[in-house]
Amino acid sequence: MKVTFWGTRGSLASPGAETARYGGNTSCVELRGDAGTILVLDAGSGIRRMGRCVPRDVRRLDILLTHLHMDHIQGLGFFEPLYWNDVEVHIWGPASATLSLRQRLQRYLSPPLFPVRLRDLDCRLSLHEVPADDIEIGEFRVDASFICHPGPTVGYRIADAHSTIAYLSDHEPALAWGRAPGSSQWTSGYAIAANVDLLIHDAQYSADEYADRVGWGHSTMDDAIAFARHTGARRLVPYHHDPSHDDEQLDRAIAAARAAAAPECEVLPGYEGDTLSL
């Protein structure tokens, strides 16, 4: 399995960030299986660049949305394969209490917000609501569960024959620490991340920043490390970086995280455009 980071920010970063190592695009991660299956985790602005790298002979793509906040869907209408008439595109994501996934996506992919309506896309589009029973997509097995973030939000656990990844891009497990004595599994996202080979997890704030943002649905770097240790994750990529944090700030935070997490968990930076092989 190969993991490529196309967008790692929690909001579009300042001008010039596109040349930075951590990039300026919002959430999008690509998984490619050994048999060629392609999964796209979230459709932030990074999906536009990712779409240019999709082989033209691909016949199926699956986009797994964690939630429908704008920074996670703003690139969807600019994803080139949506306009190929010979490809199946499957979009997975949560409904709300009152609207289906289709109805929610139609609010964005329709005028005045976007000139092309969801129903008019050229691809063969299928929509699937999550959480759902175990999902088989090519060589991948996908599990989705609700996690702690404002609005319907899921985390994904993706496994192939050799490795397992957890993707919790927007997550605030600190709100649940210690609320069920004797049950470590009470923590939001525990089952998704337990003993994974790679955990991609929200680490948006410093401890000082978080003090004024409790309940906003995001984590500090320290909480991301604590969650990785708690779940037994072997490697952690801190994710969903604050757009105001430049390369130097993030380098310092990653270095501190490496020191704090060792030896239980390896911390990797996950630069935009980088690929990890599992």
C-alpha atoms as a PDB file:
ATOM      1  CA  MET A   1       0.000   0.000   0.000  1.00  0.00           C
ATOM      2  CA  LYS A   2       1.262   3.487  -0.865  1.00  0.00           C
ATOM      3  CA  VAL A   3       0.075   6.613   0.962  1.00  0.00           C
ATOM      4  CA  THR A   4       0.435  10.038  -0.696  1.00  0.00           C
ATOM      5  CA  PHE A   5      -0.332  13.335   1.037  1.00  0.00           C
ATOM      6  CA  TRP A   6      -1.950  15.888  -1.290  1.00  0.00           C
ATOM      7  CA  GLY A   7      -3.245  18.292   1.363  1.00  0.00           C
ATOM      8  CA  THR A   8      -2.514  18.487   5.100  1.00  0.00           C
ATOM      9  CA  ARG A   9      -3.974  21.822   6.266  1.00  0.00           C
ATOM     10  CA  GLY A  10      -7.081  22.558   8.294  1.00  0.00           C
ATOM     11  CA  SER A  11      -7.802  25.604   6.140  1.00  0.00           C
ATOM     12  CA  LEU A  12      -6.154  27.155   3.095  1.00  0.00           C
ATOM     13  CA  ALA A  13      -2.763  28.473   4.157  1.00  0.00           C
ATOM     14  CA  SER A  14      -1.391  31.922   3.424  1.00  0.00           C
ATOM     15  CA  PRO A  15      -0.050  32.860  -0.036  1.00  0.00           C
ATOM     16  CA  GLY A  16       3.280  31.195  -0.743  1.00  0.00           C
ATOM     17  CA  ALA A  17       2.504  28.128   1.380  1.00  0.00           C
ATOM     18  CA  GLU A  18       2.184  26.016  -1.763  1.00  0.00           C
ATOM     19  CA  THR A  19       5.983  26.112  -1.986  1.00  0.00           C
ATOM     20  CA  ALA A  20       6.425  25.076   1.656  1.00  0.00           C
ATOM     21  CA  ARG A  21       7.260  21.495   2.571  1.00  0.00           C
ATOM     22  CA  TYR A  22       4.011  21.051   4.478  1.00  0.00           C
ATOM     23  CA  GLY A  23       2.080  22.707   1.653  1.00  0.00           C
ATOM     24  CA  GLY A  24      -0.965  24.940   1.625  1.00  0.00           C
ATOM     25  CA  ASN A  25      -3.790  22.627   0.486  1.00  0.00           C
ATOM     26  CA  THR A  26      -6.580  21.225   2.619  1.00  0.00           C
ATOM     27  CA  SER A  27      -7.213  17.600   3.475  1.00  0.00           C
ATOM     28  CA  CYS A  28      -6.637  14.932   0.843  1.00  0.00           C
ATOM     29  CA  VAL A  29      -4.739  11.642   1.115  1.00  0.00           C
ATOM     30  CA  GLU A  30      -4.426   8.998  -1.586  1.00  0.00           C
ATOM     31  CA  LEU A  31      -4.076   5.262  -0.952  1.00  0.00           C
ATOM     32  CA  ARG A  32      -2.982   2.944  -3.767  1.00  0.00           C
ATOM     33  CA  GLY A  33      -3.145  -0.792  -3.278  1.00  0.00           C
ATOM     34  CA  ASP A  34      -0.759  -3.335  -4.719  1.00  0.00           C
ATOM     35  CA  ALA A  35      -3.493  -4.430  -7.145  1.00  0.00           C
ATOM     36  CA  GLY A  36      -4.119  -0.854  -8.307  1.00  0.00           C
ATOM     37  CA  THR A  37      -7.169   0.113  -6.227  1.00  0.00           C
ATOM     38  CA  ILE A  38      -7.244   3.863  -5.489  1.00  0.00           C
ATOM     39  CA  LEU A  39      -8.921   5.369  -2.437  1.00  0.00           C
ATOM     40  CA  VAL A  40      -9.094   9.123  -1.854  1.00  0.00           C
ATOM     41  CA  LEU A  41      -9.492  10.254   1.748  1.00  0.00           C
ATOM     42  CA  ASP A  42     -11.318  13.595   1.766  1.00  0.00           C
ATOM     43  CA  ALA A  43     -11.729  16.050  -1.100  1.00  0.00           C
ATOM     44  CA  GLY A  44     -10.068  19.224   0.118  1.00  0.00           C
ATOM     45  CA  SER A  45      -8.212  21.493  -2.276  1.00  0.00           C
ATOM     46  CA  GLY A  46      -5.405  18.921  -2.557  1.00  0.00           C
ATOM     47  CA  ILE A  47      -7.641  16.616  -4.605  1.00  0.00           C
ATOM     48  CA  ARG A  48      -7.254  18.896  -7.623  1.00  0.00           C
ATOM     49  CA  ARG A  49      -3.536  18.176  -7.836  1.00  0.00           C
ATOM     50  CA  MET A  50      -4.123  14.516  -7.071  1.00  0.00           C
ATOM     51  CA  GLY A  51      -6.614  14.227  -9.941  1.00  0.00           C
ATOM     52  CA  ARG A  52      -3.934  15.181 -12.450  1.00  0.00           C
ATOM     53  CA  CYS A  53      -1.928  12.111 -11.410  1.00  0.00           C
ATOM     54  CA  VAL A  54      -4.683   9.537 -11.811  1.00  0.00           C
ATOM     55  CA  PRO A  55      -3.899   7.155 -14.709  1.00  0.00           C
ATOM     56  CA  ARG A  56      -6.338   7.690 -17.557  1.00  0.00           C
ATOM     57  CA  ASP A  57      -7.064   3.967 -17.824  1.00  0.00           C
ATOM     58  CA  VAL A  58      -8.428   3.762 -14.254  1.00  0.00           C
ATOM     59  CA  ARG A  59     -11.997   2.477 -14.244  1.00  0.00           C
ATOM     60  CA  ARG A  60     -12.999   3.017 -10.607  1.00  0.00           C
ATOM     61  CA  LEU A  61     -12.181   5.559  -7.903  1.00  0.00           C
ATOM     62  CA  ASP A  62     -13.533   5.755  -4.357  1.00  0.00           C
ATOM     63  CA  ILE A  63     -13.649   9.015  -2.372  1.00  0.00           C
ATOM     64  CA  LEU A  64     -14.109   8.594   1.378  1.00  0.00           C
ATOM     65  CA  LEU A  65     -15.329  11.800   3.043  1.00  0.00           C
ATOM     66  CA  THR A  66     -14.940  12.134   6.789  1.00  0.00           C
ATOM     67  CA  HIS A  67     -17.461  14.986   6.961  1.00  0.00           C
ATOM     68  CA  LEU A  68     -18.772  17.827   4.838  1.00  0.00           C
ATOM     69  CA  HIS A  69     -17.093  20.903   6.258  1.00  0.00           C
ATOM     70  CA  MET A  70     -15.897  23.042   3.376  1.00  0.00           C
ATOM     71  CA  ASP A  71     -12.178  22.397   3.823  1.00  0.00           C
ATOM     72  CA  HIS A  72     -12.875  18.698   3.184  1.00  0.00           C
ATOM     73  CA  ILE A  73     -15.022  19.029   0.053  1.00  0.00           C
ATOM     74  CA  GLN A  74     -13.921  22.299  -1.560  1.00  0.00           C
ATOM     75  CA  GLY A  75     -11.797  20.543  -4.186  1.00  0.00           C
ATOM     76  CA  LEU A  76     -14.441  18.028  -5.225  1.00  0.00           C
ATOM     77  CA  GLY A  77     -15.765  19.943  -8.232  1.00  0.00           C
ATOM     78  CA  PHE A  78     -12.204  20.373  -9.548  1.00  0.00           C
ATOM     79  CA  PHE A  79     -11.367  16.646  -9.502  1.00  0.00           C
ATOM     80  CA  GLU A  80     -10.809  15.803 -13.172  1.00  0.00           C
ATOM     81  CA  PRO A  81     -12.010  12.142 -13.072  1.00  0.00           C
ATOM     82  CA  LEU A  82     -15.516  13.378 -12.193  1.00  0.00           C
ATOM     83  CA  TYR A  83     -15.707  14.539 -15.818  1.00  0.00           C
ATOM     84  CA  TRP A  84     -14.560  11.255 -17.403  1.00  0.00           C
ATOM     85  CA  ASN A  85     -17.498   9.298 -18.814  1.00  0.00           C
ATOM     86  CA  ASP A  86     -15.721   5.937 -18.678  1.00  0.00           C
ATOM     87  CA  VAL A  87     -14.966   5.804 -14.958  1.00  0.00           C
ATOM     88  CA  GLU A  88     -16.998   4.822 -11.905  1.00  0.00           C
ATOM     89  CA  VAL A  89     -16.668   7.233  -8.984  1.00  0.00           C
ATOM     90  CA  HIS A  90     -18.005   6.122  -5.616  1.00  0.00           C
ATOM     91  CA  ILE A  91     -18.351   8.764  -2.901  1.00  0.00           C
ATOM     92  CA  TRP A  92     -18.748   7.586   0.684  1.00  0.00           C
ATOM     93  CA  GLY A  93     -19.703   9.928   3.518  1.00  0.00           C
ATOM     94  CA  PRO A  94     -22.087  10.621   6.396  1.00  0.00           C
ATOM     95  CA  ALA A  95     -25.654  11.840   6.077  1.00  0.00           C
ATOM     96  CA  SER A  96     -27.092  14.264   8.625  1.00  0.00           C
ATOM     97  CA  ALA A  97     -30.132  13.843  10.853  1.00  0.00           C
ATOM     98  CA  THR A  98     -32.316  15.509   8.208  1.00  0.00           C
ATOM     99  CA  LEU A  99     -30.497  15.224   4.859  1.00  0.00           C
ATOM    100  CA  SER A 100     -29.086  12.345   2.838  1.00  0.00           C
ATOM    101  CA  LEU A 101     -25.498  12.393   1.610  1.00  0.00           C
ATOM    102  CA  ARG A 102     -26.780  13.236  -1.876  1.00  0.00           C
ATOM    103  CA  GLN A 103     -28.826  16.175  -0.600  1.00  0.00           C
ATOM    104  CA  ARG A 104     -25.876  17.476   1.399  1.00  0.00           C
ATOM    105  CA  LEU A 105     -23.465  17.303  -1.568  1.00  0.00           C
ATOM    106  CA  GLN A 106     -26.037  18.930  -3.857  1.00  0.00           C
ATOM    107  CA  ARG A 107     -25.883  22.048  -1.685  1.00  0.00           C
ATOM    108  CA  TYR A 108     -22.278  22.548  -2.781  1.00  0.00           C
ATOM    109  CA  LEU A 109     -22.362  21.118  -6.312  1.00  0.00           C
ATOM    110  CA  SER A 110     -25.073  23.392  -7.642  1.00  0.00           C
ATOM    111  CA  PRO A 111     -25.439  27.132  -8.450  1.00  0.00           C
ATOM    112  CA  PRO A 112     -24.648  29.615  -7.050  1.00  0.00           C
ATOM    113  CA  LEU A 113     -21.765  27.860  -5.262  1.00  0.00           C
ATOM    114  CA  PHE A 114     -20.676  25.758  -8.254  1.00  0.00           C
ATOM    115  CA  PRO A 115     -21.720  25.901 -11.933  1.00  0.00           C
ATOM    116  CA  VAL A 116     -21.982  22.115 -12.426  1.00  0.00           C
ATOM    117  CA  ARG A 117     -24.690  20.184 -10.633  1.00  0.00           C
ATOM    118  CA  LEU A 118     -24.004  16.844  -8.989  1.00  0.00           C
ATOM    119  CA  ARG A 119     -26.474  15.169 -11.360  1.00  0.00           C
ATOM    120  CA  ASP A 120     -24.662  16.522 -14.427  1.00  0.00           C
ATOM    121  CA  LEU A 121     -21.211  15.069 -13.740  1.00  0.00           C
ATOM    122  CA  ASP A 122     -19.957  12.888 -16.603  1.00  0.00           C
ATOM    123  CA  CYS A 123     -18.660   9.999 -14.516  1.00  0.00           C
ATOM    124  CA  ARG A 124     -20.798   7.066 -13.415  1.00  0.00           C
ATOM    125  CA  LEU A 125     -21.431   8.331  -9.896  1.00  0.00           C
ATOM    126  CA  SER A 126     -22.600   6.262  -6.917  1.00  0.00           C
ATOM    127  CA  LEU A 127     -23.125   7.602  -3.388  1.00  0.00           C
ATOM    128  CA  HIS A 128     -22.892   5.515  -0.219  1.00  0.00           C
ATOM    129  CA  GLU A 129     -23.672   6.569   3.325  1.00  0.00           C
ATOM    130  CA  VAL A 130     -21.436   5.662   6.260  1.00  0.00           C
ATOM    131  CA  PRO A 131     -21.095   4.265   8.862  1.00  0.00           C
ATOM    132  CA  ALA A 132     -21.991   0.961   7.226  1.00  0.00           C
ATOM    133  CA  ASP A 133     -21.148  -2.695   7.603  1.00  0.00           C
ATOM    134  CA  ASP A 134     -17.674  -3.813   6.536  1.00  0.00           C
ATOM    135  CA  ILE A 135     -16.898  -2.333   3.129  1.00  0.00           C
ATOM    136  CA  GLU A 136     -14.812  -4.206   0.559  1.00  0.00           C
ATOM    137  CA  ILE A 137     -13.211  -2.016  -2.123  1.00  0.00           C
ATOM    138  CA  GLY A 138     -10.757  -3.912  -4.285  1.00  0.00           C
ATOM    139  CA  GLU A 139      -8.047  -5.282  -2.004  1.00  0.00           C
ATOM    140  CA  PHE A 140      -9.055  -2.929   0.819  1.00  0.00           C
ATOM    141  CA  ARG A 141     -11.362  -3.544   3.763  1.00  0.00           C
ATOM    142  CA  VAL A 142     -12.818  -0.285   5.093  1.00  0.00           C
ATOM    143  CA  ASP A 143     -14.497   0.384   8.435  1.00  0.00           C
ATOM    144  CA  ALA A 144     -16.061   3.725   9.392  1.00  0.00           C
ATOM    145  CA  SER A 145     -17.227   4.955  12.796  1.00  0.00           C
ATOM    146  CA  PHE A 146     -18.476   8.250  14.163  1.00  0.00           C
ATOM    147  CA  ILE A 147     -15.858  10.274  16.053  1.00  0.00           C
ATOM    148  CA  CYS A 148     -15.769  13.421  18.170  1.00  0.00           C
ATOM    149  CA  HIS A 149     -16.033  16.492  15.912  1.00  0.00           C
ATOM    150  CA  PRO A 150     -18.882  18.990  15.359  1.00  0.00           C
ATOM    151  CA  GLY A 151     -21.492  17.605  12.943  1.00  0.00           C
ATOM    152  CA  PRO A 152     -21.670  14.045  11.567  1.00  0.00           C
ATOM    153  CA  THR A 153     -18.017  13.002  11.230  1.00  0.00           C
ATOM    154  CA  VAL A 154     -16.412   9.602  10.751  1.00  0.00           C
ATOM    155  CA  GLY A 155     -12.947   8.150  11.001  1.00  0.00           C
ATOM    156  CA  TYR A 156     -11.786   5.414   8.639  1.00  0.00           C
ATOM    157  CA  ARG A 157      -9.792   2.250   9.218  1.00  0.00           C
ATOM    158  CA  ILE A 158      -8.394   0.793   5.991  1.00  0.00           C
ATOM    159  CA  ALA A 159      -6.622  -2.559   5.763  1.00  0.00           C
ATOM    160  CA  ASP A 160      -5.101  -4.691   3.050  1.00  0.00           C
ATOM    161  CA  ALA A 161      -3.337  -8.032   3.351  1.00  0.00           C
ATOM    162  CA  HIS A 162      -0.197  -6.422   4.768  1.00  0.00           C
ATOM    163  CA  SER A 163      -0.972  -3.215   6.675  1.00  0.00           C
ATOM    164  CA  THR A 164      -3.608  -1.084   8.394  1.00  0.00           C
ATOM    165  CA  ILE A 165      -4.166   2.686   8.369  1.00  0.00           C
ATOM    166  CA  ALA A 166      -6.409   4.874  10.513  1.00  0.00           C
ATOM    167  CA  TYR A 167      -7.461   8.266   9.179  1.00  0.00           C
ATOM    168  CA  LEU A 168      -8.896  10.682  11.759  1.00  0.00           C
ATOM    169  CA  SER A 169      -8.373  14.033  10.143  1.00  0.00           C
ATOM    170  CA  ASP A 170     -10.626  16.094  12.469  1.00  0.00           C
ATOM    171  CA  HIS A 171     -10.827  14.603  15.949  1.00  0.00           C
ATOM    172  CA  GLU A 172     -10.872  15.707  19.586  1.00  0.00           C
ATOM    173  CA  PRO A 173     -10.392  12.599  21.750  1.00  0.00           C
ATOM    174  CA  ALA A 174      -9.332  14.720  24.739  1.00  0.00           C
ATOM    175  CA  LEU A 175     -13.018  15.410  25.451  1.00  0.00           C
ATOM    176  CA  ALA A 176     -13.476  11.722  26.317  1.00  0.00           C
ATOM    177  CA  TRP A 177     -10.303  10.949  28.285  1.00  0.00           C
ATOM    178  CA  GLY A 178     -11.118   8.911  31.383  1.00  0.00           C
ATOM    179  CA  ARG A 179     -14.889   9.100  31.195  1.00  0.00           C
ATOM    180  CA  ALA A 180     -15.465   5.339  31.374  1.00  0.00           C
ATOM    181  CA  PRO A 181     -13.312   3.804  34.117  1.00  0.00           C
ATOM    182  CA  GLY A 182     -11.982   0.386  33.207  1.00  0.00           C
ATOM    183  CA  SER A 183     -12.758   0.700  29.495  1.00  0.00           C
ATOM    184  CA  SER A 184     -10.019   2.080  27.258  1.00  0.00           C
ATOM    185  CA  GLN A 185     -12.296   1.573  24.271  1.00  0.00           C
ATOM    186  CA  TRP A 186     -14.579   4.382  25.434  1.00  0.00           C
ATOM    187  CA  THR A 187     -12.243   6.949  23.906  1.00  0.00           C
ATOM    188  CA  SER A 188     -13.579   8.374  20.630  1.00  0.00           C
ATOM    189  CA  GLY A 189     -11.897   6.662  17.678  1.00  0.00           C
ATOM    190  CA  TYR A 190     -10.269   3.863  19.681  1.00  0.00           C
ATOM    191  CA  ALA A 191     -11.605   0.968  17.595  1.00  0.00           C
ATOM    192  CA  ILE A 192     -10.646   2.744  14.371  1.00  0.00           C
ATOM    193  CA  ALA A 193      -7.025   3.242  15.428  1.00  0.00           C
ATOM    194  CA  ALA A 194      -6.257   0.244  17.631  1.00  0.00           C
ATOM    195  CA  ASN A 195      -2.849  -1.238  16.751  1.00  0.00           C
ATOM    196  CA  VAL A 196      -2.669   0.266  13.267  1.00  0.00           C
ATOM    197  CA  ASP A 197       0.569   0.453  11.314  1.00  0.00           C
ATOM    198  CA  LEU A 198      -0.054   4.119  10.459  1.00  0.00           C
ATOM    199  CA  LEU A 199      -2.242   6.685  12.203  1.00  0.00           C
ATOM    200  CA  ILE A 200      -3.004   9.959  10.391  1.00  0.00           C
ATOM    201  CA  HIS A 201      -4.412  12.187  13.119  1.00  0.00           C
ATOM    202  CA  ASP A 202      -5.472  15.763  13.770  1.00  0.00           C
ATOM    203  CA  ALA A 203      -2.739  17.795  15.502  1.00  0.00           C
ATOM    204  CA  GLN A 204      -3.875  21.312  14.661  1.00  0.00           C
ATOM    205  CA  TYR A 205      -3.077  23.259  17.824  1.00  0.00           C
ATOM    206  CA  SER A 206      -0.339  23.934  20.306  1.00  0.00           C
ATOM    207  CA  ALA A 207      -1.314  23.500  23.949  1.00  0.00           C
ATOM    208  CA  ASP A 208      -1.618  27.282  24.355  1.00  0.00           C
ATOM    209  CA  GLU A 209      -3.850  27.602  21.283  1.00  0.00           C
ATOM    210  CA  TYR A 210      -6.075  24.730  22.378  1.00  0.00           C
ATOM    211  CA  ALA A 211      -6.876  26.349  25.729  1.00  0.00           C
ATOM    212  CA  ASP A 212      -9.211  28.789  23.941  1.00  0.00           C
ATOM    213  CA  ARG A 213     -10.566  26.208  21.476  1.00  0.00           C
ATOM    214  CA  VAL A 214     -11.788  23.319  23.592  1.00  0.00           C
ATOM    215  CA  GLY A 215     -14.815  21.750  21.911  1.00  0.00           C
ATOM    216  CA  TRP A 216     -13.909  22.926  18.406  1.00  0.00           C
ATOM    217  CA  GLY A 217     -13.225  19.329  17.364  1.00  0.00           C
ATOM    218  CA  HIS A 218      -9.439  19.392  16.988  1.00  0.00           C
ATOM    219  CA  SER A 219      -6.367  18.166  18.856  1.00  0.00           C
ATOM    220  CA  THR A 220      -3.013  19.331  20.086  1.00  0.00           C
ATOM    221  CA  MET A 221       0.194  17.579  19.084  1.00  0.00           C
ATOM    222  CA  ASP A 222       0.419  16.235  22.649  1.00  0.00           C
ATOM    223  CA  ASP A 223      -3.085  14.778  22.433  1.00  0.00           C
ATOM    224  CA  ALA A 224      -2.303  13.176  19.078  1.00  0.00           C
ATOM    225  CA  ILE A 225       0.728  11.478  20.650  1.00  0.00           C
ATOM    226  CA  ALA A 226      -1.314  10.408  23.687  1.00  0.00           C
ATOM    227  CA  PHE A 227      -3.984   8.972  21.391  1.00  0.00           C
ATOM    228  CA  ALA A 228      -1.366   7.108  19.317  1.00  0.00           C
ATOM    229  CA  ARG A 229       0.107   5.575  22.478  1.00  0.00           C
ATOM    230  CA  HIS A 230      -3.333   4.778  23.870  1.00  0.00           C
ATOM    231  CA  THR A 231      -4.343   2.891  20.726  1.00  0.00           C
ATOM    232  CA  GLY A 232      -0.987   1.202  20.131  1.00  0.00           C
ATOM    233  CA  ALA A 233      -0.389   2.834  16.732  1.00  0.00           C
ATOM    234  CA  ARG A 234       3.103   2.094  15.421  1.00  0.00           C
ATOM    235  CA  ARG A 235       3.538   5.253  13.343  1.00  0.00           C
ATOM    236  CA  LEU A 236       1.889   8.679  13.539  1.00  0.00           C
ATOM    237  CA  VAL A 237       1.596  11.393  10.898  1.00  0.00           C
ATOM    238  CA  PRO A 238       0.347  14.611  12.576  1.00  0.00           C
ATOM    239  CA  TYR A 239      -2.254  16.169  10.278  1.00  0.00           C
ATOM    240  CA  HIS A 240      -4.747  18.989   9.710  1.00  0.00           C
ATOM    241  CA  HIS A 241      -2.151  21.651  10.493  1.00  0.00           C
ATOM    242  CA  ASP A 242      -3.211  25.168  11.424  1.00  0.00           C
ATOM    243  CA  PRO A 243      -2.790  27.391   8.335  1.00  0.00           C
ATOM    244  CA  SER A 244      -0.831  29.957  10.360  1.00  0.00           C
ATOM    245  CA  HIS A 245       1.896  27.445  11.279  1.00  0.00           C
ATOM    246  CA  ASP A 246       4.842  27.698   8.894  1.00  0.00           C
ATOM    247  CA  ASP A 247       7.476  25.069   8.102  1.00  0.00           C
ATOM    248  CA  GLU A 248       9.754  26.138  10.932  1.00  0.00           C
ATOM    249  CA  GLN A 249       7.005  25.937  13.545  1.00  0.00           C
ATOM    250  CA  LEU A 250       5.877  22.552  12.290  1.00  0.00           C
ATOM    251  CA  ASP A 251       9.443  21.231  12.164  1.00  0.00           C
ATOM    252  CA  ARG A 252       9.903  22.169  15.818  1.00  0.00           C
ATOM    253  CA  ALA A 253       6.585  20.565  16.755  1.00  0.00           C
ATOM    254  CA  ILE A 254       7.415  17.367  14.867  1.00  0.00           C
ATOM    255  CA  ALA A 255      10.877  17.187  16.458  1.00  0.00           C
ATOM    256  CA  ALA A 256       9.355  17.556  19.919  1.00  0.00           C
ATOM    257  CA  ALA A 257       6.726  14.952  19.068  1.00  0.00           C
ATOM    258  CA  ARG A 258       9.386  12.479  17.940  1.00  0.00           C
ATOM    259  CA  ALA A 259      11.208  12.860  21.233  1.00  0.00           C
ATOM    260  CA  ALA A 260       8.007  12.535  23.252  1.00  0.00           C
ATOM    261  CA  ALA A 261       6.606   9.515  21.359  1.00  0.00           C
ATOM    262  CA  ALA A 262       9.776   7.432  21.139  1.00  0.00           C
ATOM    263  CA  PRO A 263      10.214   4.513  21.352  1.00  0.00           C
ATOM    264  CA  GLU A 264       6.566   3.412  21.371  1.00  0.00           C
ATOM    265  CA  CYS A 265       5.559   5.292  18.224  1.00  0.00           C
ATOM    266  CA  GLU A 266       7.482   6.718  15.268  1.00  0.00           C
ATOM    267  CA  VAL A 267       6.394  10.235  14.248  1.00  0.00           C
ATOM    268  CA  LEU A 268       6.656  11.182  10.550  1.00  0.00           C
ATOM    269  CA  PRO A 269       6.126  14.673   9.052  1.00  0.00           C
ATOM    270  CA  GLY A 270       3.897  13.834   6.044  1.00  0.00           C
ATOM    271  CA  TYR A 271       4.977  16.645   3.707  1.00  0.00           C
ATOM    272  CA  GLU A 272       2.568  17.545   0.928  1.00  0.00           C
ATOM    273  CA  GLY A 273       3.440  15.432  -2.138  1.00  0.00           C
ATOM    274  CA  ASP A 274       5.315  12.798  -0.128  1.00  0.00           C
ATOM    275  CA  THR A 275       4.555   9.090  -0.488  1.00  0.00           C
ATOM    276  CA  LEU A 276       4.969   6.435   2.208  1.00  0.00           C
ATOM    277  CA  SER A 277       5.122   2.739   1.380  1.00  0.00           C
ATOM    278  CA  LEU A 278       3.652   0.283   3.887  1.00  0.00           C
END
